[in-house]
Amino acid sequence: MTICFITKEPHCIGNLLIKNKFGHLNAEILAIISNHKILKPLVELFNIPFHYINHDTLSDEEHNSKVLKLINKFKPDYIILAKYMRILTSNFIKNYNNKIINIHHSILPSFIGARPYFRAYKRGVKIIGATAHYVNNYLDSGPIIFQDIAHIDHTYTVNDIVRVGHDVEQYVLNRALSLIFSNRVLVFQNRTIIF
């Protein structure tokens, strides 16, 4: 049983909602929590409870506390950050150690943090990718579950890179969740062992 956190981007959560609807996720999405309302209509199409918790007037700690209070009612096995573009506090993370899965839009440890596609474009890289990892107290530095890439070249614009990257993100998140929900992932010393 999982809770998904989202912000504004629909590609990962849309894919997970479809898989959940047709029983291909191997887990149940109990609810969606977001700090924006933009994806509420999408989530409602799948009859999944949508919870909006505004972050504009709250500190990070206050916002995380409200979110934690809500998710504790559901008692999820995992929390999936399906393009949730906020940083969780250490107080939040310690409650769900190795139970929070994030999808990051780069091949970590390259391009940690915000705007990795733009930074990849500016750097002139020839591959882009995505990384699914467990969340720890250091930004985009938790144990890596799964990664994949796509080849690009000098003709790609930033928008082209984003479009290709979205497909890779969906695949990587799906593959990581499949491994986790099949009990094939073991965390050991900030690394994963995949069986």
Foldseek 3Di string as FASTA:
>chain_A
DEEEEAEADDLQVLLVLVCQLVVNLLDHHQAYEYQDCNCVVVVVVSVHHYHHDHCPVDDLVVSLVVVLVVVVVVPDQAYEHRHHQDDHAQVNCVVNPQRYKYKAWFDPPPPFHPDSLVVCLVVFDFKGKMWIAGDHNDGPQAATQFMDIDGDGNVDDSVNSVVVSSVRSNVGVSVSSVQVSVVQWDDDPRYIDGD
